[in-house]
Amino acid sequence: MATDYDAPRRTDSDELGTDSLEELKARRGGEGTTGVVDEDETATAESYELPGADLSGEELSVSVVPIQNNEFTCSSCFLVHHRSRLARMDGNLPVCQDCA
């Protein structure tokens, strides 16, 4: 479909000004909106946990791996990095490249 980019553009305000009240009512009535609430959405929303929910009955199964010989803990951000990310040593405290 060819588009004439030199033609004047019609905006929504132009269309609203020229449409009759009967045309607007017919267009609004033909949209097919209903007052029925989708029950699946409400069921889905109920399954979400909100922040601050009581998680005292939950058990976590996470295996914690100790720091390896080729890793260090940054003294600034306290994240564990590989030795290749070591930027400098501030005294005896390692600093990663992100914090340097």
Protein backbone atom coordinates (compact mmCIF):
# COMPACT_ATOMS: atom_id res chain seq x y z
CA MET A 1 0.00 0.00 0.00
CA ALA A 2 1.43 3.36 -1.02
CA THR A 3 1.51 6.18 1.51
CA ASP A 4 1.41 9.83 0.53
CA TYR A 5 3.65 11.53 3.07
CA ASP A 6 2.88 14.99 1.67
CA ALA A 7 -0.85 14.72 2.42
CA PRO A 8 -2.10 16.58 5.49
CA ARG A 9 -2.46 14.34 8.52
CA ARG A 10 -5.73 13.80 10.34
CA THR A 11 -5.54 13.73 14.10
CA ASP A 12 -8.00 12.27 16.58
CA SER A 13 -9.29 15.74 17.40
CA ASP A 14 -10.14 16.30 13.71
CA GLU A 15 -12.09 13.06 13.59
CA LEU A 16 -13.97 13.78 16.81
CA GLY A 17 -15.02 17.20 15.58
CA THR A 18 -16.54 15.89 12.34
CA ASP A 19 -18.22 12.71 13.64
CA SER A 20 -21.85 12.93 14.55
CA LEU A 21 -23.18 11.81 17.91
CA GLU A 22 -24.98 8.86 16.29
CA GLU A 23 -21.75 7.65 14.64
CA LEU A 24 -19.89 7.84 17.95
CA LYS A 25 -22.64 5.92 19.77
CA ALA A 26 -22.71 3.25 17.06
CA ARG A 27 -18.92 2.93 17.15
CA ARG A 28 -18.91 2.69 20.95
CA GLY A 29 -21.70 0.10 21.03
CA GLY A 30 -19.97 -2.07 18.44
CA GLU A 31 -16.74 -2.50 20.40
CA GLY A 32 -17.99 -5.65 22.08
CA THR A 33 -17.13 -4.74 25.67
CA THR A 34 -18.93 -6.63 28.37
CA GLY A 35 -19.33 -6.12 32.09
CA VAL A 36 -18.20 -9.67 32.91
CA VAL A 37 -14.99 -9.97 34.94
CA ASP A 38 -12.50 -12.55 33.75
CA GLU A 39 -12.34 -15.01 36.64
CA ASP A 40 -9.05 -16.54 35.48
CA GLU A 41 -7.23 -13.26 36.13
CA THR A 42 -8.45 -13.10 39.71
CA ALA A 43 -7.41 -16.71 40.33
CA THR A 44 -3.97 -15.97 38.93
CA ALA A 45 -3.60 -12.87 41.09
CA GLU A 46 -4.41 -14.84 44.25
CA SER A 47 -1.47 -17.19 43.66
CA TYR A 48 1.11 -14.38 43.94
CA GLU A 49 2.93 -13.83 47.22
CA LEU A 50 3.23 -10.23 48.34
CA PRO A 51 6.44 -8.82 49.85
CA GLY A 52 6.47 -9.20 53.61
CA ALA A 53 4.38 -12.37 53.53
CA ASP A 54 4.83 -14.87 56.36
CA LEU A 55 7.39 -17.41 55.17
CA SER A 56 8.10 -18.97 58.56
CA GLY A 57 6.73 -22.35 57.48
CA GLU A 58 8.85 -22.52 54.34
CA GLU A 59 12.07 -24.53 54.09
CA LEU A 60 14.88 -23.58 51.75
CA SER A 61 17.23 -26.14 50.30
CA VAL A 62 20.31 -24.23 49.17
CA SER A 63 23.78 -25.69 49.11
CA VAL A 64 26.38 -23.15 50.17
CA VAL A 65 29.78 -23.62 48.59
CA PRO A 66 32.75 -22.20 50.55
CA ILE A 67 35.07 -19.72 48.87
CA GLN A 68 37.51 -21.41 46.50
CA ASN A 69 41.29 -20.94 46.31
CA ASN A 70 40.98 -18.93 43.09
CA GLU A 71 38.36 -16.51 44.49
CA PHE A 72 38.40 -13.47 46.76
CA THR A 73 35.87 -11.34 48.60
CA CYS A 74 35.95 -7.66 47.64
CA SER A 75 36.43 -5.41 50.65
CA SER A 76 34.19 -2.74 49.11
CA CYS A 77 31.13 -4.55 47.69
CA PHE A 78 31.61 -7.83 49.66
CA LEU A 79 30.95 -9.97 46.58
CA VAL A 80 32.97 -13.08 45.80
CA HIS A 81 34.93 -12.71 42.53
CA HIS A 82 37.39 -14.81 40.56
CA ARG A 83 41.06 -13.82 40.98
CA SER A 84 41.07 -12.46 37.42
CA ARG A 85 38.74 -9.64 38.64
CA LEU A 86 41.25 -8.42 41.27
CA ALA A 87 42.12 -4.77 40.59
CA ARG A 88 44.33 -3.88 43.56
CA MET A 89 45.09 -4.60 47.18
CA ASP A 90 44.39 -1.85 49.73
CA GLY A 91 46.75 -3.01 52.43
CA ASN A 92 45.62 -6.61 52.97
CA LEU A 93 42.13 -5.96 51.58
CA PRO A 94 41.36 -6.96 47.96
CA VAL A 95 39.29 -4.66 45.72
CA CYS A 96 37.52 -5.87 42.56
CA GLN A 97 37.65 -4.14 39.17
CA ASP A 98 34.08 -2.86 39.53
CA CYS A 99 34.86 -1.02 42.77
CA ALA A 100 38.31 0.23 41.73
